[in-house]
Structure formats: C-alpha cells, structure tokens
Amino acid sequence: MQKTFKAQNISCSKCANLIKASLEDEFGEIEVNLDSNPKEVTLNIKDEEKEKLFKTEMSDIGFDIIEA
C-alpha cells in the first residue's frame, strides 16, 4: 500500500538523497516531495510493522515523521 508521510528537517535535495540512499535497499523506491511544506515522503508500506520500522529509521537519520 502506498503511503505518504510528512516529515521534519528535510530541507534540500541532499536530505532527499540521504533518505533514499539509507532506506531504499530495505523499503524499495522512495519519493521525496521537496515542494510541499512540511516535506512529504512517499513509499509502499506492507504492514504496520514495516511502518513502525520506517518511522524509527527515519528518526535515526535525523528526519522525524510528524504525520502519516
């Protein structure tokens, strides 16, 4: 299921590239919308367990999910 999350601290393409480089191996293709405010991260999430893991890993690299 495709899901979009609003995230804090994403400010530029370097942030988007860090998210993709860090998480795409585990979560598949990730799209970061730098035009929205707050910034949006969209990906396919299989279940609640993967969603929790994604939120934790985003936080670990400095980008907190503020809304799903």
N, C-alpha and C. Protein backbone atom coordinates (compact mmCIF):
# COMPACT_ATOMS: atom_id res chain seq x y z
N MET A 1 0.84 -1.18 0.00
CA MET A 1 0.00 0.00 0.00
C MET A 1 0.89 1.25 0.00
N GLN A 2 0.62 2.15 -0.92
CA GLN A 2 1.41 3.38 -0.98
C GLN A 2 0.94 4.32 0.12
N LYS A 3 1.91 4.90 0.82
CA LYS A 3 1.59 5.78 1.94
C LYS A 3 2.51 7.00 1.90
N THR A 4 1.96 8.15 2.28
CA THR A 4 2.73 9.39 2.32
C THR A 4 2.84 9.87 3.76
N PHE A 5 4.06 10.20 4.14
CA PHE A 5 4.34 10.70 5.49
C PHE A 5 4.85 12.12 5.41
N LYS A 6 4.45 12.96 6.35
CA LYS A 6 5.00 14.31 6.46
C LYS A 6 6.17 14.23 7.43
N ALA A 7 7.28 14.88 7.06
CA ALA A 7 8.49 14.75 7.86
C ALA A 7 9.13 16.10 8.15
N GLN A 8 9.79 16.18 9.29
CA GLN A 8 10.52 17.39 9.69
C GLN A 8 11.97 17.30 9.25
N ASN A 9 12.61 18.45 9.14
CA ASN A 9 14.04 18.60 8.93
C ASN A 9 14.51 18.27 7.52
N ILE A 10 13.63 18.00 6.59
CA ILE A 10 14.03 17.80 5.20
C ILE A 10 14.03 19.17 4.55
N SER A 11 15.19 19.59 4.05
CA SER A 11 15.25 20.95 3.51
C SER A 11 15.76 21.03 2.07
N CYS A 12 16.41 19.98 1.56
CA CYS A 12 17.03 20.11 0.24
C CYS A 12 17.20 18.74 -0.41
N SER A 13 17.74 18.76 -1.61
CA SER A 13 17.93 17.50 -2.33
C SER A 13 18.95 16.60 -1.65
N LYS A 14 19.90 17.17 -0.92
CA LYS A 14 20.86 16.33 -0.19
C LYS A 14 20.14 15.51 0.88
N CYS A 15 19.15 16.11 1.54
CA CYS A 15 18.35 15.38 2.53
C CYS A 15 17.59 14.24 1.84
N ALA A 16 16.98 14.56 0.71
CA ALA A 16 16.22 13.55 -0.04
C ALA A 16 17.14 12.40 -0.46
N ASN A 17 18.33 12.74 -0.94
CA ASN A 17 19.28 11.71 -1.36
C ASN A 17 19.74 10.85 -0.20
N LEU A 18 19.91 11.45 0.97
CA LEU A 18 20.30 10.69 2.16
C LEU A 18 19.21 9.69 2.53
N ILE A 19 17.97 10.13 2.50
CA ILE A 19 16.84 9.24 2.81
C ILE A 19 16.83 8.06 1.83
N LYS A 20 16.94 8.38 0.55
CA LYS A 20 16.90 7.32 -0.46
C LYS A 20 18.09 6.37 -0.31
N ALA A 21 19.28 6.90 -0.15
CA ALA A 21 20.47 6.06 -0.04
C ALA A 21 20.43 5.18 1.20
N SER A 22 19.88 5.72 2.28
CA SER A 22 19.86 4.99 3.55
C SER A 22 18.75 3.94 3.62
N LEU A 23 17.62 4.19 2.97
CA LEU A 23 16.45 3.37 3.22
C LEU A 23 15.89 2.60 2.03
N GLU A 24 16.29 2.95 0.80
CA GLU A 24 15.67 2.28 -0.35
C GLU A 24 16.01 0.79 -0.44
N ASP A 25 17.18 0.37 0.03
CA ASP A 25 17.51 -1.06 -0.01
C ASP A 25 16.50 -1.88 0.80
N GLU A 26 16.06 -1.31 1.91
CA GLU A 26 15.13 -2.03 2.78
C GLU A 26 13.66 -1.81 2.43
N PHE A 27 13.32 -0.60 1.98
CA PHE A 27 11.92 -0.24 1.78
C PHE A 27 11.49 -0.09 0.32
N GLY A 28 12.41 -0.23 -0.61
CA GLY A 28 12.08 -0.05 -2.02
C GLY A 28 12.10 1.43 -2.40
N GLU A 29 11.53 1.73 -3.55
CA GLU A 29 11.57 3.09 -4.08
C GLU A 29 10.89 4.08 -3.13
N ILE A 30 11.59 5.19 -2.89
CA ILE A 30 11.08 6.25 -2.01
C ILE A 30 11.05 7.55 -2.81
N GLU A 31 9.94 8.27 -2.71
CA GLU A 31 9.81 9.56 -3.37
C GLU A 31 9.74 10.65 -2.30
N VAL A 32 10.55 11.70 -2.47
CA VAL A 32 10.55 12.82 -1.52
C VAL A 32 10.06 14.06 -2.25
N ASN A 33 8.97 14.65 -1.77
CA ASN A 33 8.41 15.86 -2.36
C ASN A 33 8.98 17.07 -1.64
N LEU A 34 9.89 17.77 -2.30
CA LEU A 34 10.53 18.94 -1.69
C LEU A 34 9.70 20.22 -1.88
N ASP A 35 8.60 20.12 -2.64
CA ASP A 35 7.76 21.30 -2.90
C ASP A 35 6.68 21.50 -1.85
N SER A 36 6.39 20.47 -1.07
CA SER A 36 5.35 20.60 -0.05
C SER A 36 5.95 21.12 1.25
N ASN A 37 5.10 21.60 2.12
CA ASN A 37 5.57 22.06 3.42
C ASN A 37 4.55 21.65 4.47
N PRO A 38 4.84 20.74 5.41
CA PRO A 38 6.13 20.06 5.53
C PRO A 38 6.38 19.11 4.37
N LYS A 39 7.64 18.73 4.19
CA LYS A 39 8.03 17.84 3.10
C LYS A 39 7.36 16.48 3.26
N GLU A 40 7.11 15.83 2.12
CA GLU A 40 6.42 14.54 2.12
C GLU A 40 7.31 13.44 1.57
N VAL A 41 7.21 12.29 2.20
CA VAL A 41 7.96 11.10 1.78
C VAL A 41 6.92 10.02 1.47
N THR A 42 6.98 9.50 0.24
CA THR A 42 6.00 8.50 -0.20
C THR A 42 6.72 7.20 -0.55
N LEU A 43 6.14 6.09 -0.09
CA LEU A 43 6.69 4.78 -0.39
C LEU A 43 5.62 3.73 -0.18
N ASN A 44 5.91 2.51 -0.60
CA ASN A 44 4.99 1.39 -0.38
C ASN A 44 5.31 0.75 0.95
N ILE A 45 4.31 0.69 1.82
CA ILE A 45 4.45 0.07 3.15
C ILE A 45 3.56 -1.17 3.17
N LYS A 46 4.15 -2.31 3.53
CA LYS A 46 3.40 -3.57 3.50
C LYS A 46 2.48 -3.74 4.70
N ASP A 47 2.95 -3.34 5.90
CA ASP A 47 2.15 -3.56 7.10
C ASP A 47 2.58 -2.60 8.19
N GLU A 48 1.89 -2.67 9.33
CA GLU A 48 2.18 -1.74 10.44
C GLU A 48 3.59 -1.91 10.98
N GLU A 49 4.09 -3.14 10.98
CA GLU A 49 5.44 -3.39 11.48
C GLU A 49 6.48 -2.67 10.63
N LYS A 50 6.31 -2.73 9.28
CA LYS A 50 7.23 -2.02 8.39
C LYS A 50 7.10 -0.51 8.57
N GLU A 51 5.87 -0.04 8.82
CA GLU A 51 5.65 1.39 9.02
C GLU A 51 6.38 1.88 10.26
N LYS A 52 6.29 1.12 11.35
CA LYS A 52 6.99 1.49 12.59
C LYS A 52 8.49 1.50 12.36
N LEU A 53 9.00 0.49 11.64
CA LEU A 53 10.42 0.42 11.35
C LEU A 53 10.87 1.61 10.51
N PHE A 54 10.06 1.97 9.51
CA PHE A 54 10.38 3.12 8.66
C PHE A 54 10.46 4.40 9.49
N LYS A 55 9.48 4.62 10.36
CA LYS A 55 9.48 5.82 11.20
C LYS A 55 10.70 5.86 12.11
N THR A 56 11.07 4.72 12.67
CA THR A 56 12.25 4.64 13.54
C THR A 56 13.52 4.95 12.76
N GLU A 57 13.64 4.35 11.59
CA GLU A 57 14.86 4.56 10.80
C GLU A 57 14.95 5.98 10.26
N MET A 58 13.81 6.59 9.92
CA MET A 58 13.83 8.00 9.51
C MET A 58 14.32 8.86 10.67
N SER A 59 13.84 8.59 11.86
CA SER A 59 14.26 9.34 13.05
C SER A 59 15.75 9.15 13.30
N ASP A 60 16.24 7.93 13.10
CA ASP A 60 17.66 7.63 13.33
C ASP A 60 18.58 8.45 12.42
N ILE A 61 18.11 8.79 11.22
CA ILE A 61 18.95 9.58 10.32
C ILE A 61 18.61 11.08 10.39
N GLY A 62 17.74 11.46 11.34
CA GLY A 62 17.51 12.87 11.62
C GLY A 62 16.24 13.49 11.06
N PHE A 63 15.32 12.65 10.56
CA PHE A 63 14.08 13.17 9.98
C PHE A 63 12.88 12.56 10.68
N ASP A 64 12.25 13.32 11.56
CA ASP A 64 11.12 12.80 12.32
C ASP A 64 9.83 12.87 11.50
N ILE A 65 9.06 11.78 11.54
CA ILE A 65 7.75 11.74 10.91
C ILE A 65 6.77 12.45 11.85
N ILE A 66 6.06 13.45 11.33
CA ILE A 66 5.14 14.20 12.19
C ILE A 66 3.69 13.86 11.91
N GLU A 67 3.43 13.21 10.76
CA GLU A 67 2.05 12.91 10.40
C GLU A 67 2.06 11.88 9.28
N ALA A 68 1.13 10.93 9.35
CA ALA A 68 1.03 9.93 8.27
C ALA A 68 -0.19 10.19 7.43
